[in-house]
N, C-alpha and C. Protein backbone atom coordinates (compact mmCIF):
# COMPACT_ATOMS: atom_id res chain seq x y z
N MET A 1 17.57 -52.85 -22.98
CA MET A 1 18.23 -51.75 -23.12
C MET A 1 17.26 -50.55 -23.38
N VAL A 2 16.49 -50.49 -23.86
CA VAL A 2 15.40 -49.54 -23.83
C VAL A 2 14.52 -49.19 -22.53
N ARG A 3 14.63 -50.54 -22.08
CA ARG A 3 13.91 -50.28 -20.57
C ARG A 3 14.77 -49.62 -19.69
N SER A 4 16.08 -49.74 -19.57
CA SER A 4 16.98 -49.06 -18.52
C SER A 4 17.23 -47.54 -19.08
N SER A 5 16.82 -46.99 -20.33
CA SER A 5 16.98 -45.64 -20.55
C SER A 5 15.73 -44.94 -20.03
N ARG A 6 14.60 -45.72 -19.95
CA ARG A 6 13.25 -45.34 -19.87
C ARG A 6 13.38 -44.91 -18.10
N LYS A 7 14.09 -46.01 -17.42
CA LYS A 7 14.10 -46.28 -15.91
C LYS A 7 14.89 -44.87 -15.48
N ILE A 8 15.92 -44.53 -16.17
CA ILE A 8 16.76 -43.48 -15.86
C ILE A 8 16.05 -42.12 -15.87
N GLY A 9 15.34 -41.66 -17.18
CA GLY A 9 14.69 -40.45 -17.70
C GLY A 9 13.52 -40.50 -16.76
N ALA A 10 12.58 -41.17 -16.25
CA ALA A 10 11.51 -41.00 -15.55
C ALA A 10 11.51 -40.91 -13.82
N SER A 11 10.97 -40.19 -13.60
CA SER A 11 10.51 -40.04 -12.06
C SER A 11 9.52 -40.83 -11.37
N THR A 12 9.65 -41.42 -10.37
CA THR A 12 8.50 -42.42 -9.64
C THR A 12 7.69 -41.36 -9.07
N LEU A 13 6.50 -41.88 -8.77
CA LEU A 13 5.58 -41.24 -7.86
C LEU A 13 6.09 -41.14 -6.51
N ALA A 14 6.76 -41.83 -5.88
CA ALA A 14 7.26 -41.15 -4.61
C ALA A 14 8.54 -39.95 -4.79
N GLU A 15 9.23 -40.15 -5.79
CA GLU A 15 9.96 -38.86 -5.95
C GLU A 15 9.21 -37.63 -5.98
N VAL A 16 8.25 -37.86 -7.07
CA VAL A 16 7.18 -36.35 -7.29
C VAL A 16 6.76 -36.07 -5.82
N LEU A 17 6.41 -37.18 -5.26
CA LEU A 17 5.79 -36.70 -3.77
C LEU A 17 6.75 -36.19 -2.96
N ILE A 18 7.84 -36.55 -2.64
CA ILE A 18 8.75 -36.06 -1.63
C ILE A 18 9.09 -34.66 -2.20
N SER A 19 9.50 -34.35 -3.51
CA SER A 19 9.58 -33.09 -4.00
C SER A 19 8.68 -32.14 -3.80
N MET A 20 7.36 -32.38 -3.74
CA MET A 20 6.17 -31.80 -3.68
C MET A 20 6.20 -31.37 -1.89
N VAL A 21 6.44 -32.27 -1.07
CA VAL A 21 6.58 -32.34 0.30
C VAL A 21 7.40 -30.99 0.70
N VAL A 22 8.54 -31.19 0.15
CA VAL A 22 9.81 -30.11 0.16
C VAL A 22 9.50 -28.84 -0.22
N LEU A 23 9.11 -28.77 -1.42
CA LEU A 23 8.63 -27.30 -1.91
C LEU A 23 7.45 -26.92 -0.93
N THR A 24 6.67 -27.62 -0.51
CA THR A 24 5.47 -27.21 0.77
C THR A 24 6.20 -26.59 1.56
N LEU A 25 7.12 -27.22 2.04
CA LEU A 25 7.80 -26.81 3.53
C LEU A 25 8.40 -25.50 3.23
N VAL A 26 9.25 -25.58 2.23
CA VAL A 26 9.83 -23.98 1.83
C VAL A 26 8.94 -22.77 1.58
N VAL A 27 7.85 -23.11 0.87
CA VAL A 27 6.91 -22.01 0.50
C VAL A 27 6.26 -21.83 1.94
N LEU A 28 5.80 -22.63 2.97
CA LEU A 28 5.39 -22.39 4.19
C LEU A 28 6.40 -21.51 5.18
N ALA A 29 7.73 -22.00 5.07
CA ALA A 29 8.62 -21.29 5.84
C ALA A 29 8.88 -19.63 5.32
N VAL A 30 8.81 -19.58 3.94
CA VAL A 30 8.73 -18.11 3.52
C VAL A 30 7.20 -17.27 3.72
N LEU A 31 6.48 -18.13 4.01
CA LEU A 31 5.15 -17.09 4.00
C LEU A 31 5.30 -17.13 5.52
N GLY A 32 5.68 -17.80 6.48
CA GLY A 32 6.02 -17.42 8.03
C GLY A 32 6.61 -16.45 8.25
N ILE A 33 7.98 -16.39 7.48
CA ILE A 33 8.78 -15.25 7.46
C ILE A 33 8.30 -13.91 7.25
N LEU A 34 7.31 -13.81 6.10
CA LEU A 34 6.90 -12.75 5.92
C LEU A 34 5.79 -12.21 6.55
N ILE A 35 4.83 -13.16 7.19
CA ILE A 35 3.99 -12.95 8.31
C ILE A 35 4.63 -12.05 9.56
N GLN A 36 5.49 -12.80 9.80
CA GLN A 36 6.33 -12.39 11.14
C GLN A 36 6.68 -10.86 10.77
N SER A 37 7.31 -10.72 9.53
CA SER A 37 8.12 -9.34 9.25
C SER A 37 6.88 -8.26 9.32
N SER A 38 5.66 -8.67 8.81
CA SER A 38 4.77 -7.70 8.75
C SER A 38 4.03 -7.24 10.38
N TYR A 39 3.99 -8.39 11.04
CA TYR A 39 3.66 -7.99 12.44
C TYR A 39 4.94 -7.19 13.18
N LEU A 40 6.10 -7.69 13.02
CA LEU A 40 6.82 -6.71 13.59
C LEU A 40 6.99 -5.48 12.90
N GLU A 41 6.73 -5.15 11.69
CA GLU A 41 6.84 -3.87 11.09
C GLU A 41 5.66 -2.96 11.87
N GLN A 42 4.40 -3.63 12.06
CA GLN A 42 3.38 -2.84 12.61
C GLN A 42 3.68 -2.52 14.18
N ASN A 43 4.39 -3.27 14.61
CA ASN A 43 4.88 -3.26 16.20
C ASN A 43 6.06 -1.99 16.34
N ASP A 44 6.77 -2.01 15.42
CA ASP A 44 7.74 -0.99 15.42
C ASP A 44 6.75 0.47 15.13
N ALA A 45 6.31 0.46 14.16
CA ALA A 45 5.59 1.83 13.62
C ALA A 45 4.61 2.24 15.07
N GLU A 46 3.94 1.28 15.79
CA GLU A 46 3.07 1.52 17.18
C GLU A 46 4.03 2.10 18.13
N GLN A 47 5.24 1.58 17.97
CA GLN A 47 6.35 2.07 19.17
C GLN A 47 6.91 3.45 18.96
N THR A 48 6.94 3.51 17.60
CA THR A 48 7.81 4.73 17.52
C THR A 48 6.68 5.92 17.55
N GLU A 49 5.38 5.83 17.29
CA GLU A 49 4.28 6.65 17.80
C GLU A 49 4.12 6.93 18.89
N VAL A 50 4.25 6.00 20.16
CA VAL A 50 4.08 5.77 21.38
C VAL A 50 5.39 6.81 22.07
N LEU A 51 6.74 6.53 21.22
CA LEU A 51 7.77 7.41 21.83
C LEU A 51 7.53 8.67 21.35
N ALA A 52 7.16 9.01 20.15
CA ALA A 52 7.28 10.39 19.91
C ALA A 52 6.17 11.13 20.86
N LEU A 53 5.17 10.85 21.23
CA LEU A 53 3.72 11.15 21.91
C LEU A 53 4.56 11.49 23.57
N ALA A 54 5.11 10.35 24.19
CA ALA A 54 5.80 10.51 25.24
C ALA A 54 7.17 11.61 25.24
N GLN A 55 7.55 11.47 24.15
CA GLN A 55 8.74 12.65 24.18
C GLN A 55 8.16 13.93 24.05
N GLY A 56 7.38 14.13 23.48
CA GLY A 56 6.37 15.59 23.15
C GLY A 56 5.49 15.94 24.55
N LEU A 57 5.28 14.94 25.37
CA LEU A 57 4.78 15.38 26.68
C LEU A 57 6.04 15.70 27.53
N LEU A 58 6.89 14.93 27.50
CA LEU A 58 8.09 15.26 28.63
C LEU A 58 8.52 16.55 28.26
N GLU A 59 8.92 16.90 26.89
CA GLU A 59 9.82 18.03 26.29
C GLU A 59 8.85 19.02 26.76
N ALA A 60 7.34 19.24 26.83
CA ALA A 60 6.39 20.34 27.19
C ALA A 60 6.80 20.59 29.07
N GLN A 61 7.10 19.44 29.68
CA GLN A 61 7.11 19.70 31.14
C GLN A 61 8.64 20.24 31.46
N LEU A 62 9.67 19.76 30.42
CA LEU A 62 11.03 20.32 30.60
C LEU A 62 11.07 22.02 30.44
N ASP A 63 10.26 22.35 29.25
CA ASP A 63 10.36 23.56 29.00
C ASP A 63 9.42 24.82 30.10
N GLU A 64 8.61 24.10 30.79
CA GLU A 64 7.99 24.75 31.81
C GLU A 64 8.67 24.77 33.04
N ALA A 65 9.49 23.75 33.38
CA ALA A 65 10.50 23.61 34.18
C ALA A 65 11.54 24.54 34.19
N ARG A 66 11.85 25.19 33.19
CA ARG A 66 12.60 26.13 33.06
C ARG A 66 12.49 27.53 33.91
N VAL A 67 11.35 27.40 34.23
CA VAL A 67 10.96 28.93 35.01
C VAL A 67 10.76 28.44 36.21
N LEU A 68 11.44 29.38 37.23
CA LEU A 68 11.51 28.67 38.63
C LEU A 68 9.77 28.56 39.35
N GLU A 69 9.00 29.66 39.11
CA GLU A 69 7.54 29.53 39.46
C GLU A 69 7.12 28.06 38.89
N GLN A 70 7.10 27.82 37.69
CA GLN A 70 6.53 26.72 37.11
C GLN A 70 7.35 25.56 37.63
N PHE A 71 8.43 25.66 38.01
CA PHE A 71 9.16 24.51 38.50
C PHE A 71 8.36 23.96 39.56
N ASN A 72 8.30 24.80 40.48
CA ASN A 72 7.82 24.77 41.96
C ASN A 72 6.27 24.19 41.88
N ALA A 73 5.47 24.40 40.81
CA ALA A 73 4.22 24.04 40.42
C ALA A 73 4.27 22.60 39.85
N LEU A 74 5.10 22.24 39.39
CA LEU A 74 5.27 20.72 38.84
C LEU A 74 4.53 19.78 39.48
N GLU A 75 3.53 18.97 39.19
CA GLU A 75 2.76 18.12 40.34
C GLU A 75 2.58 16.91 39.41
N SER A 76 2.33 15.84 40.05
CA SER A 76 1.80 14.40 39.13
C SER A 76 0.61 14.75 38.51
N VAL A 77 0.32 14.00 37.77
CA VAL A 77 -1.30 14.10 36.78
C VAL A 77 -1.65 12.77 36.84
N SER A 78 -2.87 12.46 37.14
CA SER A 78 -3.46 11.06 36.83
C SER A 78 -3.88 10.75 35.49
N MET A 79 -4.51 9.62 35.28
CA MET A 79 -4.71 9.37 33.73
C MET A 79 -5.68 10.42 33.17
N THR A 80 -4.73 10.73 31.93
CA THR A 80 -5.45 11.79 31.39
C THR A 80 -5.21 11.59 29.67
N PRO A 81 -6.35 11.90 29.07
CA PRO A 81 -6.11 11.67 27.52
C PRO A 81 -5.09 12.33 26.93
N THR A 82 -4.69 11.91 25.71
CA THR A 82 -3.57 12.79 24.75
C THR A 82 -4.24 13.06 23.64
N VAL A 83 -3.44 13.67 23.07
CA VAL A 83 -4.04 14.10 21.54
C VAL A 83 -4.99 13.01 20.71
N ASP A 84 -4.02 11.81 20.78
CA ASP A 84 -4.63 10.73 20.19
C ASP A 84 -5.47 9.90 21.36
N PRO A 85 -6.64 9.82 20.74
CA PRO A 85 -7.58 9.22 21.61
C PRO A 85 -7.18 7.60 21.84
N ASN A 86 -6.22 7.02 21.22
CA ASN A 86 -5.72 5.74 21.74
C ASN A 86 -4.98 5.43 22.79
N TYR A 87 -4.77 6.81 23.52
CA TYR A 87 -3.57 6.71 24.11
C TYR A 87 -3.94 7.46 25.63
N LEU A 88 -3.80 7.29 26.75
CA LEU A 88 -3.69 8.07 28.20
C LEU A 88 -2.22 8.21 28.50
N TYR A 89 -1.89 9.20 29.21
CA TYR A 89 -0.64 9.38 29.76
C TYR A 89 -0.93 9.68 31.27
N GLU A 90 -0.07 9.42 32.20
CA GLU A 90 0.36 9.56 33.46
C GLU A 90 1.53 10.30 33.77
N GLN A 91 1.65 11.44 34.59
CA GLN A 91 2.59 12.03 35.13
C GLN A 91 3.06 12.27 36.62
N ARG A 92 4.32 11.69 36.90
CA ARG A 92 4.69 11.63 38.03
C ARG A 92 5.69 12.44 38.32
N VAL A 93 5.75 13.31 39.20
CA VAL A 93 6.72 14.30 39.92
C VAL A 93 7.19 13.95 41.04
N THR A 94 8.53 13.67 41.11
CA THR A 94 9.07 13.11 42.85
C THR A 94 10.11 14.30 42.82
N ASP A 95 10.30 14.69 44.44
CA ASP A 95 11.11 15.56 44.53
C ASP A 95 12.67 14.76 45.16
N MET A 96 13.88 15.07 44.53
CA MET A 96 14.95 14.54 44.67
C MET A 96 15.83 15.37 45.76
N PRO A 97 16.91 14.90 45.73
CA PRO A 97 17.82 15.91 46.73
C PRO A 97 18.57 16.98 45.85
N LEU A 98 19.19 17.91 46.31
CA LEU A 98 20.21 18.73 45.64
C LEU A 98 18.91 19.63 44.62
N ARG A 99 17.57 19.97 45.08
CA ARG A 99 17.06 20.68 44.47
C ARG A 99 16.64 20.30 43.03
N MET A 100 16.29 19.16 43.09
CA MET A 100 15.99 18.46 41.89
C MET A 100 14.76 17.78 41.80
N LYS A 101 14.09 17.58 40.71
CA LYS A 101 12.76 16.65 40.64
C LYS A 101 12.93 15.70 39.71
N LYS A 102 12.52 14.92 39.76
CA LYS A 102 12.09 13.94 38.59
C LYS A 102 10.77 13.92 38.11
N ILE A 103 10.83 13.85 36.70
CA ILE A 103 9.55 14.07 35.91
C ILE A 103 9.46 12.33 34.97
N SER A 104 8.40 11.61 35.27
CA SER A 104 8.32 10.59 34.52
C SER A 104 6.79 10.72 34.00
N ILE A 105 6.81 9.99 32.63
CA ILE A 105 5.68 10.25 31.85
C ILE A 105 5.40 8.46 31.40
N SER A 106 4.54 8.22 31.75
CA SER A 106 4.08 7.01 31.26
C SER A 106 2.71 6.90 30.29
N VAL A 107 2.85 6.42 29.19
CA VAL A 107 1.99 6.33 28.30
C VAL A 107 1.22 5.00 28.33
N PHE A 108 -0.01 4.89 28.36
CA PHE A 108 -0.65 3.54 28.49
C PHE A 108 -1.50 3.55 27.07
N TYR A 109 -1.89 2.45 26.77
CA TYR A 109 -2.95 2.13 25.68
C TYR A 109 -4.23 2.27 26.22
N ALA A 110 -5.20 2.93 25.31
CA ALA A 110 -6.78 3.21 26.02
C ALA A 110 -7.31 2.30 25.98
N ASP A 111 -8.22 1.80 26.45
CA ASP A 111 -9.41 0.80 26.54
C ASP A 111 -10.18 1.01 25.06
N PRO A 112 -10.27 0.16 24.48
CA PRO A 112 -11.43 0.52 23.23
C PRO A 112 -12.72 0.61 23.69
N ASN A 113 -13.42 0.41 24.60
CA ASN A 113 -14.46 0.11 25.04
C ASN A 113 -14.83 1.37 25.92
N ASN A 114 -13.67 1.92 27.11
CA ASN A 114 -13.74 2.78 27.58
C ASN A 114 -12.42 3.57 27.82
N PRO A 115 -12.30 4.58 26.96
CA PRO A 115 -11.20 5.31 26.50
C PRO A 115 -10.75 6.09 27.64
N SER A 116 -11.25 6.14 29.12
CA SER A 116 -10.70 6.89 30.15
C SER A 116 -9.84 6.05 30.92
N VAL A 117 -10.09 4.75 30.59
CA VAL A 117 -8.90 3.89 31.59
C VAL A 117 -8.17 3.03 30.59
N PRO A 118 -6.74 2.84 31.22
CA PRO A 118 -5.87 1.71 30.35
C PRO A 118 -6.44 0.38 29.76
N ASP A 119 -5.83 -0.07 28.79
CA ASP A 119 -6.49 -1.14 28.39
C ASP A 119 -5.61 -2.48 29.13
N ALA A 120 -6.45 -3.17 30.16
CA ALA A 120 -5.78 -4.08 30.80
C ALA A 120 -5.66 -5.40 30.35
N SER A 121 -6.14 -5.41 29.07
CA SER A 121 -6.08 -6.70 28.56
C SER A 121 -4.41 -6.99 27.64
N ARG A 122 -3.82 -5.92 27.83
CA ARG A 122 -2.55 -5.77 27.00
C ARG A 122 -1.24 -5.78 28.09
N GLU A 123 -0.28 -6.48 27.62
CA GLU A 123 0.77 -6.73 28.48
C GLU A 123 0.85 -5.49 29.57
N ARG A 124 1.71 -5.54 30.68
CA ARG A 124 1.85 -4.68 31.70
C ARG A 124 0.76 -3.69 31.84
N GLY A 125 -0.53 -4.29 31.82
CA GLY A 125 -1.57 -3.41 32.12
C GLY A 125 -1.65 -2.27 31.27
N GLY A 126 -1.60 -2.48 30.11
CA GLY A 126 -1.72 -1.35 29.17
C GLY A 126 -0.85 -0.39 29.11
N ARG A 127 0.42 -0.46 30.00
CA ARG A 127 1.24 0.53 29.81
C ARG A 127 2.38 0.43 28.58
N ALA A 128 2.64 1.01 27.71
CA ALA A 128 3.25 1.22 26.45
C ALA A 128 4.45 1.28 26.79
N LEU A 129 4.92 2.58 27.61
CA LEU A 129 6.31 3.19 27.91
C LEU A 129 6.28 4.10 28.80
N THR A 130 7.48 4.27 29.58
CA THR A 130 7.87 5.42 30.39
C THR A 130 9.20 6.20 30.16
N LEU A 131 8.96 7.35 30.06
CA LEU A 131 10.23 7.99 30.23
C LEU A 131 10.39 8.84 31.16
N SER A 132 11.64 8.98 32.03
CA SER A 132 11.81 9.91 32.92
C SER A 132 13.27 10.73 32.53
N VAL A 133 13.27 12.00 33.62
CA VAL A 133 14.25 12.85 33.43
C VAL A 133 14.14 13.73 34.77
N ALA A 134 15.61 14.13 35.07
CA ALA A 134 15.49 14.85 36.38
C ALA A 134 15.88 16.09 35.88
N VAL A 135 15.29 16.96 36.72
CA VAL A 135 15.37 18.59 36.44
C VAL A 135 16.03 19.25 37.41
N VAL A 136 17.01 20.22 37.41
CA VAL A 136 17.54 20.78 38.27
C VAL A 136 16.49 22.39 38.39
N GLU A 137 16.31 22.65 39.62
CA GLU A 137 15.64 23.81 39.94
C GLU A 137 16.31 25.13 39.32
N PRO A 138 15.74 25.65 38.39
CA PRO A 138 16.56 27.13 37.70
C PRO A 138 16.65 28.01 39.11
N THR A 139 17.76 28.85 38.62
CA THR A 139 18.16 29.93 39.43
C THR A 139 17.59 30.96 39.35
N THR A 140 17.21 31.53 38.08
CA THR A 140 16.63 32.89 38.11
C THR A 140 14.99 32.49 37.77
């Protein structure tokens, strides 16, 4: 009788090892989620920065396009550094029907070794984002 009560209250080595394996798997899963969350947060912050930069460049061109002389002078711009040395931008202006122009701003990650060229080691040849807008020729 004493022997059976000891058997019920005590854990075997196999049970302890199994519980340790289960605990380890749970801890690793939670750790993986935390690492992925940190990566996504960093990526989101970077994308927000790129979007704000591209939007500012595009809005500057839109302000200029509201004046007829400056609308007619809109032209494409090749790789140009931005206010942030980590990025470059390219502007393309395309004539469209009905006295319109399409302005596209592409923001690229700058190569850390040569900041005047895009970082080709990144996805899409270093292009981070492209924004476009169509502008109608001003009447006055």
